[in-house]
PDB file of all heavy atoms in Angstrom:
ATOM      1  N   GLY A   1      -6.325   8.264  -3.197  1.00  0.00           N
ATOM      2  CA  GLY A   1      -5.615   9.524  -3.422  1.00  0.00           C
ATOM      3  C   GLY A   1      -4.489   9.399  -4.423  1.00  0.00           C
ATOM      4  O   GLY A   1      -4.546   8.634  -5.369  1.00  0.00           O
ATOM      5  N   ARG A   2      -3.448  10.154  -4.174  1.00  0.00           N
ATOM      6  CA  ARG A   2      -2.268  10.216  -5.034  1.00  0.00           C
ATOM      7  C   ARG A   2      -1.091   9.656  -4.245  1.00  0.00           C
ATOM      8  O   ARG A   2      -0.901  10.007  -3.097  1.00  0.00           O
ATOM      9  CB  ARG A   2      -2.016  11.677  -5.402  1.00  0.00           C
ATOM     10  CG  ARG A   2      -0.798  11.929  -6.244  1.00  0.00           C
ATOM     11  CD  ARG A   2      -0.779  13.372  -6.704  1.00  0.00           C
ATOM     12  NE  ARG A   2      -1.842  13.561  -7.687  1.00  0.00           N
ATOM     13  CZ  ARG A   2      -1.632  13.645  -8.993  1.00  0.00           C
ATOM     14  NH1 ARG A   2      -0.416  13.598  -9.466  1.00  0.00           N
ATOM     15  NH2 ARG A   2      -2.634  13.802  -9.823  1.00  0.00           N
ATOM     16  N   ALA A   3      -0.296   8.781  -4.884  1.00  0.00           N
ATOM     17  CA  ALA A   3       0.802   8.115  -4.177  1.00  0.00           C
ATOM     18  C   ALA A   3       2.144   8.474  -4.805  1.00  0.00           C
ATOM     19  O   ALA A   3       2.582   7.856  -5.768  1.00  0.00           O
ATOM     20  CB  ALA A   3       0.593   6.604  -4.181  1.00  0.00           C
ATOM     21  N   LEU A   4       2.778   9.479  -4.228  1.00  0.00           N
ATOM     22  CA  LEU A   4       4.101   9.919  -4.678  1.00  0.00           C
ATOM     23  C   LEU A   4       5.037  10.124  -3.484  1.00  0.00           C
ATOM     24  O   LEU A   4       5.618  11.192  -3.318  1.00  0.00           O
ATOM     25  CB  LEU A   4       3.979  11.241  -5.444  1.00  0.00           C
ATOM     26  CG  LEU A   4       3.177  11.198  -6.735  1.00  0.00           C
ATOM     27  CD1 LEU A   4       2.873  12.606  -7.231  1.00  0.00           C
ATOM     28  CD2 LEU A   4       3.933  10.421  -7.781  1.00  0.00           C
ATOM     29  N   PRO A   5       5.208   9.101  -2.650  1.00  0.00           N
ATOM     30  CA  PRO A   5       6.080   9.279  -1.489  1.00  0.00           C
ATOM     31  C   PRO A   5       7.540   9.398  -1.899  1.00  0.00           C
ATOM     32  O   PRO A   5       7.953   8.823  -2.911  1.00  0.00           O
ATOM     33  CB  PRO A   5       5.842   8.007  -0.673  1.00  0.00           C
ATOM     34  CG  PRO A   5       5.443   6.995  -1.684  1.00  0.00           C
ATOM     35  CD  PRO A   5       4.682   7.758  -2.741  1.00  0.00           C
ATOM     36  N   GLU A   6       8.301  10.151  -1.120  1.00  0.00           N
ATOM     37  CA  GLU A   6       9.744  10.247  -1.381  1.00  0.00           C
ATOM     38  C   GLU A   6      10.420   8.895  -1.171  1.00  0.00           C
ATOM     39  O   GLU A   6      11.350   8.554  -1.883  1.00  0.00           O
ATOM     40  CB  GLU A   6      10.372  11.293  -0.465  1.00  0.00           C
ATOM     41  CG  GLU A   6       9.998  12.713  -0.850  1.00  0.00           C
ATOM     42  CD  GLU A   6      10.701  13.738   0.018  1.00  0.00           C
ATOM     43  OE1 GLU A   6      11.808  13.452   0.531  1.00  0.00           O
ATOM     44  OE2 GLU A   6      10.138  14.831   0.175  1.00  0.00           O
ATOM     45  N   ASP A   7       9.928   8.146  -0.180  1.00  0.00           N
ATOM     46  CA  ASP A   7      10.483   6.825   0.135  1.00  0.00           C
ATOM     47  C   ASP A   7       9.311   5.843   0.224  1.00  0.00           C
ATOM     48  O   ASP A   7       8.691   5.706   1.274  1.00  0.00           O
ATOM     49  CB  ASP A   7      11.249   6.902   1.458  1.00  0.00           C
ATOM     50  CG  ASP A   7      11.937   5.599   1.823  1.00  0.00           C
ATOM     51  OD1 ASP A   7      11.608   4.546   1.238  1.00  0.00           O
ATOM     52  OD2 ASP A   7      12.812   5.636   2.717  1.00  0.00           O
ATOM     53  N   ALA A   8       9.033   5.163  -0.879  1.00  0.00           N
ATOM     54  CA  ALA A   8       7.869   4.267  -0.941  1.00  0.00           C
ATOM     55  C   ALA A   8       7.993   3.115   0.054  1.00  0.00           C
ATOM     56  O   ALA A   8       6.999   2.721   0.667  1.00  0.00           O
ATOM     57  CB  ALA A   8       7.697   3.725  -2.352  1.00  0.00           C
ATOM     58  N   ILE A   9       9.185   2.595   0.235  1.00  0.00           N
ATOM     59  CA  ILE A   9       9.366   1.476   1.168  1.00  0.00           C
ATOM     60  C   ILE A   9       8.999   1.912   2.583  1.00  0.00           C
ATOM     61  O   ILE A   9       8.256   1.218   3.283  1.00  0.00           O
ATOM     62  CB  ILE A   9      10.815   0.938   1.101  1.00  0.00           C
ATOM     63  CG1 ILE A   9      11.060   0.299  -0.266  1.00  0.00           C
ATOM     64  CG2 ILE A   9      11.079  -0.061   2.221  1.00  0.00           C
ATOM     65  CD1 ILE A   9      12.500  -0.074  -0.543  1.00  0.00           C
ATOM     66  N   ARG A  10       9.472   3.058   2.996  1.00  0.00           N
ATOM     67  CA  ARG A  10       9.171   3.563   4.340  1.00  0.00           C
ATOM     68  C   ARG A  10       7.675   3.866   4.482  1.00  0.00           C
ATOM     69  O   ARG A  10       7.075   3.579   5.513  1.00  0.00           O
ATOM     70  CB  ARG A  10      10.006   4.795   4.659  1.00  0.00           C
ATOM     71  CG  ARG A  10       9.888   5.217   6.117  1.00  0.00           C
ATOM     72  CD  ARG A  10      10.785   6.359   6.418  1.00  0.00           C
ATOM     73  NE  ARG A  10      10.240   7.527   5.714  1.00  0.00           N
ATOM     74  CZ  ARG A  10      10.644   8.754   5.874  1.00  0.00           C
ATOM     75  NH1 ARG A  10      11.641   9.005   6.681  1.00  0.00           N
ATOM     76  NH2 ARG A  10      10.095   9.752   5.218  1.00  0.00           N
ATOM     77  N   PHE A  11       7.074   4.450   3.451  1.00  0.00           N
ATOM     78  CA  PHE A  11       5.649   4.770   3.513  1.00  0.00           C
ATOM     79  C   PHE A  11       4.796   3.506   3.666  1.00  0.00           C
ATOM     80  O   PHE A  11       3.831   3.481   4.427  1.00  0.00           O
ATOM     81  CB  PHE A  11       5.210   5.549   2.269  1.00  0.00           C
ATOM     82  CG  PHE A  11       3.730   5.780   2.223  1.00  0.00           C
ATOM     83  CD1 PHE A  11       3.137   6.695   3.080  1.00  0.00           C
ATOM     84  CD2 PHE A  11       2.925   5.072   1.347  1.00  0.00           C
ATOM     85  CE1 PHE A  11       1.757   6.895   3.069  1.00  0.00           C
ATOM     86  CE2 PHE A  11       1.557   5.270   1.318  1.00  0.00           C
ATOM     87  CZ  PHE A  11       0.965   6.186   2.180  1.00  0.00           C
ATOM     88  N   PHE A  12       5.140   2.441   2.947  1.00  0.00           N
ATOM     89  CA  PHE A  12       4.347   1.218   2.976  1.00  0.00           C
ATOM     90  C   PHE A  12       4.630   0.327   4.173  1.00  0.00           C
ATOM     91  O   PHE A  12       3.858  -0.595   4.453  1.00  0.00           O
ATOM     92  CB  PHE A  12       4.531   0.423   1.674  1.00  0.00           C
ATOM     93  CG  PHE A  12       3.618   0.859   0.581  1.00  0.00           C
ATOM     94  CD1 PHE A  12       3.974   1.920  -0.248  1.00  0.00           C
ATOM     95  CD2 PHE A  12       2.390   0.255   0.384  1.00  0.00           C
ATOM     96  CE1 PHE A  12       3.124   2.349  -1.259  1.00  0.00           C
ATOM     97  CE2 PHE A  12       1.533   0.677  -0.623  1.00  0.00           C
ATOM     98  CZ  PHE A  12       1.898   1.729  -1.449  1.00  0.00           C
ATOM     99  N   LEU A  13       5.695   0.587   4.911  1.00  0.00           N
ATOM    100  CA  LEU A  13       6.073  -0.270   6.031  1.00  0.00           C
ATOM    101  C   LEU A  13       4.943  -0.487   7.035  1.00  0.00           C
ATOM    102  O   LEU A  13       4.662  -1.637   7.403  1.00  0.00           O
ATOM    103  CB  LEU A  13       7.328   0.275   6.717  1.00  0.00           C
ATOM    104  CG  LEU A  13       7.907  -0.613   7.813  1.00  0.00           C
ATOM    105  CD1 LEU A  13       8.306  -1.976   7.254  1.00  0.00           C
ATOM    106  CD2 LEU A  13       9.104   0.076   8.451  1.00  0.00           C
ATOM    107  N   PRO A  14       4.239   0.552   7.501  1.00  0.00           N
ATOM    108  CA  PRO A  14       3.135   0.292   8.444  1.00  0.00           C
ATOM    109  C   PRO A  14       2.040  -0.596   7.850  1.00  0.00           C
ATOM    110  O   PRO A  14       1.443  -1.414   8.547  1.00  0.00           O
ATOM    111  CB  PRO A  14       2.581   1.679   8.765  1.00  0.00           C
ATOM    112  CG  PRO A  14       3.622   2.648   8.343  1.00  0.00           C
ATOM    113  CD  PRO A  14       4.428   1.982   7.276  1.00  0.00           C
ATOM    114  N   MET A  15       1.786  -0.466   6.556  1.00  0.00           N
ATOM    115  CA  MET A  15       0.777  -1.304   5.904  1.00  0.00           C
ATOM    116  C   MET A  15       1.245  -2.757   5.856  1.00  0.00           C
ATOM    117  O   MET A  15       0.473  -3.677   6.120  1.00  0.00           O
ATOM    118  CB  MET A  15       0.480  -0.784   4.498  1.00  0.00           C
ATOM    119  CG  MET A  15      -0.327   0.498   4.512  1.00  0.00           C
ATOM    120  SD  MET A  15      -0.482   1.223   2.882  1.00  0.00           S
ATOM    121  CE  MET A  15       0.922   2.329   2.894  1.00  0.00           C
ATOM    122  N   PHE A  16       2.517  -2.970   5.533  1.00  0.00           N
ATOM    123  CA  PHE A  16       3.064  -4.331   5.498  1.00  0.00           C
ATOM    124  C   PHE A  16       2.982  -4.965   6.885  1.00  0.00           C
ATOM    125  O   PHE A  16       2.597  -6.126   7.015  1.00  0.00           O
ATOM    126  CB  PHE A  16       4.516  -4.327   5.018  1.00  0.00           C
ATOM    127  CG  PHE A  16       4.692  -4.112   3.546  1.00  0.00           C
ATOM    128  CD1 PHE A  16       3.640  -3.775   2.724  1.00  0.00           C
ATOM    129  CD2 PHE A  16       5.941  -4.237   2.976  1.00  0.00           C
ATOM    130  CE1 PHE A  16       3.821  -3.580   1.359  1.00  0.00           C
ATOM    131  CE2 PHE A  16       6.129  -4.043   1.612  1.00  0.00           C
ATOM    132  CZ  PHE A  16       5.071  -3.721   0.808  1.00  0.00           C
ATOM    133  N   GLU A  17       3.355  -4.208   7.910  1.00  0.00           N
ATOM    134  CA  GLU A  17       3.309  -4.730   9.279  1.00  0.00           C
ATOM    135  C   GLU A  17       1.880  -5.097   9.658  1.00  0.00           C
ATOM    136  O   GLU A  17       1.640  -6.155  10.247  1.00  0.00           O
ATOM    137  CB  GLU A  17       3.894  -3.706  10.254  1.00  0.00           C
ATOM    138  CG  GLU A  17       5.390  -3.537  10.096  1.00  0.00           C
ATOM    139  CD  GLU A  17       5.961  -2.376  10.908  1.00  0.00           C
ATOM    140  OE1 GLU A  17       5.186  -1.552  11.442  1.00  0.00           O
ATOM    141  OE2 GLU A  17       7.200  -2.291  11.003  1.00  0.00           O
ATOM    142  N   TRP A  18       0.935  -4.230   9.310  1.00  0.00           N
ATOM    143  CA  TRP A  18      -0.466  -4.475   9.641  1.00  0.00           C
ATOM    144  C   TRP A  18      -0.973  -5.721   8.918  1.00  0.00           C
ATOM    145  O   TRP A  18      -1.599  -6.597   9.508  1.00  0.00           O
ATOM    146  CB  TRP A  18      -1.303  -3.247   9.274  1.00  0.00           C
ATOM    147  CG  TRP A  18      -2.682  -3.237   9.840  1.00  0.00           C
ATOM    148  CD1 TRP A  18      -3.080  -2.685  11.017  1.00  0.00           C
ATOM    149  CD2 TRP A  18      -3.864  -3.799   9.236  1.00  0.00           C
ATOM    150  NE1 TRP A  18      -4.435  -2.863  11.188  1.00  0.00           N
ATOM    151  CE2 TRP A  18      -4.933  -3.550  10.107  1.00  0.00           C
ATOM    152  CE3 TRP A  18      -4.109  -4.487   8.048  1.00  0.00           C
ATOM    153  CZ2 TRP A  18      -6.238  -3.956   9.844  1.00  0.00           C
ATOM    154  CZ3 TRP A  18      -5.404  -4.906   7.781  1.00  0.00           C
ATOM    155  CH2 TRP A  18      -6.447  -4.645   8.674  1.00  0.00           C
ATOM    156  N   ILE A  19      -0.710  -5.808   7.625  1.00  0.00           N
ATOM    157  CA  ILE A  19      -1.199  -6.930   6.817  1.00  0.00           C
ATOM    158  C   ILE A  19      -0.569  -8.247   7.249  1.00  0.00           C
ATOM    159  O   ILE A  19      -1.224  -9.288   7.230  1.00  0.00           O
ATOM    160  CB  ILE A  19      -0.954  -6.655   5.315  1.00  0.00           C
ATOM    161  CG1 ILE A  19      -1.939  -5.597   4.836  1.00  0.00           C
ATOM    162  CG2 ILE A  19      -1.086  -7.909   4.477  1.00  0.00           C
ATOM    163  CD1 ILE A  19      -1.641  -5.056   3.470  1.00  0.00           C
ATOM    164  N   ASN A  20       0.693  -8.208   7.655  1.00  0.00           N
ATOM    165  CA  ASN A  20       1.344  -9.435   8.126  1.00  0.00           C
ATOM    166  C   ASN A  20       0.693  -9.978   9.395  1.00  0.00           C
ATOM    167  O   ASN A  20       0.733 -11.176   9.647  1.00  0.00           O
ATOM    168  CB  ASN A  20       2.838  -9.203   8.356  1.00  0.00           C
ATOM    169  CG  ASN A  20       3.642  -9.400   7.092  1.00  0.00           C
ATOM    170  OD1 ASN A  20       3.475 -10.378   6.388  1.00  0.00           O
ATOM    171  ND2 ASN A  20       4.509  -8.453   6.792  1.00  0.00           N
ATOM    172  N   LYS A  21       0.098  -9.104  10.197  1.00  0.00           N
ATOM    173  CA  LYS A  21      -0.573  -9.522  11.431  1.00  0.00           C
ATOM    174  C   LYS A  21      -2.041  -9.862  11.206  1.00  0.00           C
ATOM    175  O   LYS A  21      -2.635 -10.591  11.990  1.00  0.00           O
ATOM    176  CB  LYS A  21      -0.493  -8.406  12.480  1.00  0.00           C
ATOM    177  CG  LYS A  21       0.900  -8.130  12.969  1.00  0.00           C
ATOM    178  CD  LYS A  21       0.890  -6.961  13.919  1.00  0.00           C
ATOM    179  CE  LYS A  21       2.302  -6.531  14.267  1.00  0.00           C
ATOM    180  NZ  LYS A  21       2.314  -5.274  15.043  1.00  0.00           N
ATOM    181  N   TYR A  22      -2.623  -9.313  10.152  1.00  0.00           N
ATOM    182  CA  TYR A  22      -4.064  -9.445   9.941  1.00  0.00           C
ATOM    183  C   TYR A  22      -4.427 -10.747   9.239  1.00  0.00           C
ATOM    184  O   TYR A  22      -3.793 -11.140   8.263  1.00  0.00           O
ATOM    185  CB  TYR A  22      -4.601  -8.282   9.106  1.00  0.00           C
ATOM    186  CG  TYR A  22      -6.094  -8.380   8.895  1.00  0.00           C
ATOM    187  CD1 TYR A  22      -6.962  -8.061   9.932  1.00  0.00           C
ATOM    188  CD2 TYR A  22      -6.625  -8.839   7.700  1.00  0.00           C
ATOM    189  CE1 TYR A  22      -8.336  -8.178   9.762  1.00  0.00           C
ATOM    190  CE2 TYR A  22      -7.991  -8.960   7.529  1.00  0.00           C
ATOM    191  CZ  TYR A  22      -8.835  -8.631   8.564  1.00  0.00           C
ATOM    192  OH  TYR A  22     -10.187  -8.761   8.404  1.00  0.00           O
ATOM    193  N   THR A  23      -5.471 -11.380   9.744  1.00  0.00           N
ATOM    194  CA  THR A  23      -6.044 -12.545   9.099  1.00  0.00           C
ATOM    195  C   THR A  23      -7.548 -12.357   9.087  1.00  0.00           C
ATOM    196  O   THR A  23      -8.152 -12.136  10.120  1.00  0.00           O
ATOM    197  CB  THR A  23      -5.689 -13.831   9.870  1.00  0.00           C
ATOM    198  OG1 THR A  23      -4.276 -13.981   9.859  1.00  0.00           O
ATOM    199  CG2 THR A  23      -6.310 -15.047   9.238  1.00  0.00           C
ATOM    200  N   GLY A  24      -8.098 -12.438   7.910  1.00  0.00           N
ATOM    201  CA  GLY A  24      -9.546 -12.321   7.786  1.00  0.00           C
ATOM    202  C   GLY A  24     -10.021 -13.261   6.711  1.00  0.00           C
ATOM    203  O   GLY A  24      -9.378 -13.409   5.673  1.00  0.00           O
ATOM    204  N   GLU A  25     -11.136 -13.916   6.968  1.00  0.00           N
ATOM    205  CA  GLU A  25     -11.644 -14.850   5.976  1.00  0.00           C
ATOM    206  C   GLU A  25     -12.009 -14.135   4.677  1.00  0.00           C
ATOM    207  O   GLU A  25     -11.761 -14.636   3.595  1.00  0.00           O
ATOM    208  CB  GLU A  25     -12.861 -15.586   6.543  1.00  0.00           C
ATOM    209  CG  GLU A  25     -12.983 -16.965   5.982  1.00  0.00           C
ATOM    210  CD  GLU A  25     -13.992 -17.793   6.734  1.00  0.00           C
ATOM    211  OE1 GLU A  25     -13.714 -18.144   7.896  1.00  0.00           O
ATOM    212  OE2 GLU A  25     -15.039 -18.075   6.139  1.00  0.00           O
ATOM    213  N   ILE A  26     -12.592 -12.939   4.805  1.00  0.00           N
ATOM    214  CA  ILE A  26     -12.977 -12.149   3.634  1.00  0.00           C
ATOM    215  C   ILE A  26     -12.288 -10.793   3.721  1.00  0.00           C
ATOM    216  O   ILE A  26     -12.391 -10.100   4.733  1.00  0.00           O
ATOM    217  CB  ILE A  26     -14.501 -11.961   3.560  1.00  0.00           C
ATOM    218  CG1 ILE A  26     -15.198 -13.313   3.442  1.00  0.00           C
ATOM    219  CG2 ILE A  26     -14.868 -11.068   2.382  1.00  0.00           C
ATOM    220  CD1 ILE A  26     -16.707 -13.244   3.530  1.00  0.00           C
ATOM    221  N   ILE A  27     -11.594 -10.434   2.652  1.00  0.00           N
ATOM    222  CA  ILE A  27     -10.952  -9.122   2.566  1.00  0.00           C
ATOM    223  C   ILE A  27     -11.549  -8.379   1.384  1.00  0.00           C
ATOM    224  O   ILE A  27     -11.593  -8.908   0.267  1.00  0.00           O
ATOM    225  CB  ILE A  27      -9.425  -9.252   2.413  1.00  0.00           C
ATOM    226  CG1 ILE A  27      -8.834  -9.844   3.689  1.00  0.00           C
ATOM    227  CG2 ILE A  27      -8.794  -7.902   2.083  1.00  0.00           C
ATOM    228  CD1 ILE A  27      -7.350 -10.067   3.649  1.00  0.00           C
ATOM    229  N   ASN A  28     -12.032  -7.181   1.650  1.00  0.00           N
ATOM    230  CA  ASN A  28     -12.546  -6.296   0.604  1.00  0.00           C
ATOM    231  C   ASN A  28     -11.595  -5.118   0.515  1.00  0.00           C
ATOM    232  O   ASN A  28     -11.517  -4.300   1.429  1.00  0.00           O
ATOM    233  CB  ASN A  28     -13.955  -5.806   0.944  1.00  0.00           C
ATOM    234  CG  ASN A  28     -14.964  -6.917   0.842  1.00  0.00           C
ATOM    235  OD1 ASN A  28     -15.107  -7.527  -0.198  1.00  0.00           O
ATOM    236  ND2 ASN A  28     -15.647  -7.195   1.938  1.00  0.00           N
ATOM    237  N   LEU A  29     -10.883  -5.055  -0.580  1.00  0.00           N
ATOM    238  CA  LEU A  29      -9.870  -4.029  -0.782  1.00  0.00           C
ATOM    239  C   LEU A  29     -10.327  -3.088  -1.881  1.00  0.00           C
ATOM    240  O   LEU A  29     -10.730  -3.536  -2.951  1.00  0.00           O
ATOM    241  CB  LEU A  29      -8.547  -4.695  -1.170  1.00  0.00           C
ATOM    242  CG  LEU A  29      -7.351  -3.838  -1.518  1.00  0.00           C
ATOM    243  CD1 LEU A  29      -6.963  -2.923  -0.379  1.00  0.00           C
ATOM    244  CD2 LEU A  29      -6.172  -4.734  -1.874  1.00  0.00           C
ATOM    245  N   GLU A  30     -10.306  -1.795  -1.590  1.00  0.00           N
ATOM    246  CA  GLU A  30     -10.641  -0.790  -2.605  1.00  0.00           C
ATOM    247  C   GLU A  30      -9.417   0.064  -2.862  1.00  0.00           C
ATOM    248  O   GLU A  30      -8.841   0.626  -1.939  1.00  0.00           O
ATOM    249  CB  GLU A  30     -11.793   0.098  -2.134  1.00  0.00           C
ATOM    250  CG  GLU A  30     -12.179   1.145  -3.157  1.00  0.00           C
ATOM    251  CD  GLU A  30     -13.342   2.010  -2.711  1.00  0.00           C
ATOM    252  OE1 GLU A  30     -14.377   1.448  -2.310  1.00  0.00           O
ATOM    253  OE2 GLU A  30     -13.199   3.242  -2.757  1.00  0.00           O
ATOM    254  N   VAL A  31      -9.017   0.126  -4.132  1.00  0.00           N
ATOM    255  CA  VAL A  31      -7.888   0.964  -4.528  1.00  0.00           C
ATOM    256  C   VAL A  31      -8.434   2.038  -5.456  1.00  0.00           C
ATOM    257  O   VAL A  31      -8.993   1.748  -6.504  1.00  0.00           O
ATOM    258  CB  VAL A  31      -6.793   0.140  -5.246  1.00  0.00           C
ATOM    259  CG1 VAL A  31      -5.662   1.047  -5.721  1.00  0.00           C
ATOM    260  CG2 VAL A  31      -6.255  -0.949  -4.325  1.00  0.00           C
ATOM    261  N   ASN A  32      -8.276   3.282  -5.019  1.00  0.00           N
ATOM    262  CA  ASN A  32      -8.761   4.420  -5.797  1.00  0.00           C
ATOM    263  C   ASN A  32      -7.643   5.467  -5.837  1.00  0.00           C
ATOM    264  O   ASN A  32      -7.675   6.452  -5.108  1.00  0.00           O
ATOM    265  CB  ASN A  32     -10.033   4.995  -5.171  1.00  0.00           C
ATOM    266  CG  ASN A  32     -10.675   6.049  -6.039  1.00  0.00           C
ATOM    267  OD1 ASN A  32     -10.141   6.428  -7.084  1.00  0.00           O
ATOM    268  ND2 ASN A  32     -11.816   6.540  -5.606  1.00  0.00           N
ATOM    269  N   LEU A  33      -6.656   5.186  -6.663  1.00  0.00           N
ATOM    270  CA  LEU A  33      -5.507   6.077  -6.794  1.00  0.00           C
ATOM    271  C   LEU A  33      -5.592   6.812  -8.123  1.00  0.00           C
ATOM    272  O   LEU A  33      -5.809   6.190  -9.162  1.00  0.00           O
ATOM    273  CB  LEU A  33      -4.198   5.283  -6.721  1.00  0.00           C
ATOM    274  CG  LEU A  33      -3.900   4.635  -5.375  1.00  0.00           C
ATOM    275  CD1 LEU A  33      -2.716   3.684  -5.484  1.00  0.00           C
ATOM    276  CD2 LEU A  33      -3.645   5.696  -4.316  1.00  0.00           C
ATOM    277  N   ASP A  34      -5.421   8.122  -8.082  1.00  0.00           N
ATOM    278  CA  ASP A  34      -5.440   8.854  -9.350  1.00  0.00           C
ATOM    279  C   ASP A  34      -4.067   8.853 -10.008  1.00  0.00           C
ATOM    280  O   ASP A  34      -3.956   9.103 -11.205  1.00  0.00           O
ATOM    281  CB  ASP A  34      -6.003  10.264  -9.198  1.00  0.00           C
ATOM    282  CG  ASP A  34      -5.256  11.112  -8.181  1.00  0.00           C
ATOM    283  OD1 ASP A  34      -4.114  10.786  -7.837  1.00  0.00           O
ATOM    284  OD2 ASP A  34      -5.825  12.118  -7.738  1.00  0.00           O
ATOM    285  N   TYR A  35      -3.030   8.526  -9.220  1.00  0.00           N
ATOM    286  CA  TYR A  35      -1.684   8.417  -9.783  1.00  0.00           C
ATOM    287  C   TYR A  35      -0.783   7.716  -8.779  1.00  0.00           C
ATOM    288  O   TYR A  35      -0.898   7.930  -7.568  1.00  0.00           O
ATOM    289  CB  TYR A  35      -1.096   9.796 -10.109  1.00  0.00           C
ATOM    290  CG  TYR A  35       0.268   9.689 -10.756  1.00  0.00           C
ATOM    291  CD1 TYR A  35       0.397   9.430 -12.113  1.00  0.00           C
ATOM    292  CD2 TYR A  35       1.423   9.798  -9.995  1.00  0.00           C
ATOM    293  CE1 TYR A  35       1.644   9.290 -12.696  1.00  0.00           C
ATOM    294  CE2 TYR A  35       2.679   9.661 -10.573  1.00  0.00           C
ATOM    295  CZ  TYR A  35       2.778   9.407 -11.923  1.00  0.00           C
ATOM    296  OH  TYR A  35       4.011   9.255 -12.497  1.00  0.00           O
ATOM    297  N   PHE A  36       0.110   6.867  -9.282  1.00  0.00           N
ATOM    298  CA  PHE A  36       1.190   6.328  -8.450  1.00  0.00           C
ATOM    299  C   PHE A  36       2.394   6.080  -9.335  1.00  0.00           C
ATOM    300  O   PHE A  36       2.269   5.823 -10.531  1.00  0.00           O
ATOM    301  CB  PHE A  36       0.773   5.064  -7.686  1.00  0.00           C
ATOM    302  CG  PHE A  36       0.305   3.908  -8.517  1.00  0.00           C
ATOM    303  CD1 PHE A  36       1.189   2.965  -8.998  1.00  0.00           C
ATOM    304  CD2 PHE A  36      -1.042   3.741  -8.781  1.00  0.00           C
ATOM    305  CE1 PHE A  36       0.750   1.878  -9.743  1.00  0.00           C
ATOM    306  CE2 PHE A  36      -1.493   2.665  -9.518  1.00  0.00           C
ATOM    307  CZ  PHE A  36      -0.594   1.728 -10.001  1.00  0.00           C
ATOM    308  N   ASN A  37       3.569   6.206  -8.726  1.00  0.00           N
ATOM    309  CA  ASN A  37       4.803   6.052  -9.492  1.00  0.00           C
ATOM    310  C   ASN A  37       5.288   4.602  -9.463  1.00  0.00           C
ATOM    311  O   ASN A  37       4.675   3.733  -8.841  1.00  0.00           O
ATOM    312  CB  ASN A  37       5.871   7.042  -9.014  1.00  0.00           C
ATOM    313  CG  ASN A  37       6.231   6.862  -7.562  1.00  0.00           C
ATOM    314  OD1 ASN A  37       6.061   5.798  -6.985  1.00  0.00           O
ATOM    315  ND2 ASN A  37       6.742   7.927  -6.945  1.00  0.00           N
ATOM    316  N   THR A  38       6.387   4.338 -10.138  1.00  0.00           N
ATOM    317  CA  THR A  38       6.900   2.981 -10.286  1.00  0.00           C
ATOM    318  C   THR A  38       7.273   2.352  -8.955  1.00  0.00           C
ATOM    319  O   THR A  38       6.985   1.173  -8.722  1.00  0.00           O
ATOM    320  CB  THR A  38       8.137   2.989 -11.221  1.00  0.00           C
ATOM    321  OG1 THR A  38       7.758   3.611 -12.449  1.00  0.00           O
ATOM    322  CG2 THR A  38       8.632   1.591 -11.500  1.00  0.00           C
ATOM    323  N   SER A  39       7.886   3.116  -8.068  1.00  0.00           N
ATOM    324  CA  SER A  39       8.281   2.544  -6.780  1.00  0.00           C
ATOM    325  C   SER A  39       7.052   2.166  -5.958  1.00  0.00           C
ATOM    326  O   SER A  39       7.054   1.159  -5.250  1.00  0.00           O
ATOM    327  CB  SER A  39       9.198   3.493  -6.004  1.00  0.00           C
ATOM    328  OG  SER A  39       8.552   4.717  -5.747  1.00  0.00           O
ATOM    329  N   VAL A  40       5.988   2.932  -6.069  1.00  0.00           N
ATOM    330  CA  VAL A  40       4.739   2.604  -5.381  1.00  0.00           C
ATOM    331  C   VAL A  40       4.108   1.360  -6.000  1.00  0.00           C
ATOM    332  O   VAL A  40       3.600   0.489  -5.295  1.00  0.00           O
ATOM    333  CB  VAL A  40       3.764   3.806  -5.402  1.00  0.00           C
ATOM    334  CG1 VAL A  40       2.368   3.394  -4.965  1.00  0.00           C
ATOM    335  CG2 VAL A  40       4.295   4.933  -4.538  1.00  0.00           C
ATOM    336  N   SER A  41       4.174   1.247  -7.315  1.00  0.00           N
ATOM    337  CA  SER A  41       3.618   0.086  -7.998  1.00  0.00           C
ATOM    338  C   SER A  41       4.230  -1.205  -7.452  1.00  0.00           C
ATOM    339  O   SER A  41       3.523  -2.191  -7.206  1.00  0.00           O
ATOM    340  CB  SER A  41       3.881   0.198  -9.502  1.00  0.00           C
ATOM    341  OG  SER A  41       3.409  -0.927 -10.176  1.00  0.00           O
ATOM    342  N   LYS A  42       5.521  -1.206  -7.246  1.00  0.00           N
ATOM    343  CA  LYS A  42       6.222  -2.374  -6.689  1.00  0.00           C
ATOM    344  C   LYS A  42       5.749  -2.663  -5.275  1.00  0.00           C
ATOM    345  O   LYS A  42       5.508  -3.819  -4.911  1.00  0.00           O
ATOM    346  CB  LYS A  42       7.733  -2.113  -6.726  1.00  0.00           C
ATOM    347  CG  LYS A  42       8.574  -3.080  -5.929  1.00  0.00           C
ATOM    348  CD  LYS A  42       8.762  -4.394  -6.658  1.00  0.00           C
ATOM    349  CE  LYS A  42       9.823  -5.241  -6.000  1.00  0.00           C
ATOM    350  NZ  LYS A  42       9.323  -6.170  -4.996  1.00  0.00           N
ATOM    351  N   GLN A  43       5.585  -1.632  -4.463  1.00  0.00           N
ATOM    352  CA  GLN A  43       5.142  -1.819  -3.084  1.00  0.00           C
ATOM    353  C   GLN A  43       3.704  -2.327  -3.031  1.00  0.00           C
ATOM    354  O   GLN A  43       3.361  -3.182  -2.205  1.00  0.00           O
ATOM    355  CB  GLN A  43       5.285  -0.519  -2.290  1.00  0.00           C
ATOM    356  CG  GLN A  43       6.711  -0.029  -2.145  1.00  0.00           C
ATOM    357  CD  GLN A  43       7.635  -1.061  -1.552  1.00  0.00           C
ATOM    358  OE1 GLN A  43       7.376  -1.620  -0.494  1.00  0.00           O
ATOM    359  NE2 GLN A  43       8.728  -1.344  -2.252  1.00  0.00           N
ATOM    360  N   ILE A  44       2.859  -1.827  -3.920  1.00  0.00           N
ATOM    361  CA  ILE A  44       1.476  -2.302  -3.987  1.00  0.00           C
ATOM    362  C   ILE A  44       1.464  -3.800  -4.316  1.00  0.00           C
ATOM    363  O   ILE A  44       0.756  -4.578  -3.672  1.00  0.00           O
ATOM    364  CB  ILE A  44       0.655  -1.500  -5.016  1.00  0.00           C
ATOM    365  CG1 ILE A  44       0.410  -0.078  -4.501  1.00  0.00           C
ATOM    366  CG2 ILE A  44      -0.662  -2.195  -5.328  1.00  0.00           C
ATOM    367  CD1 ILE A  44      -0.227   0.843  -5.531  1.00  0.00           C
TER     368      ILE A  44
END
């Protein structure tokens, strides 16, 4: 989708928490963003 959160750090927090707990031998990540701003780029 489109990533323009008012607070990118707060928006990404649940993802960071999830990823910090997750361990998988194989990870398949798909990123399909039509737009993201600079603060989102840093969080990604």
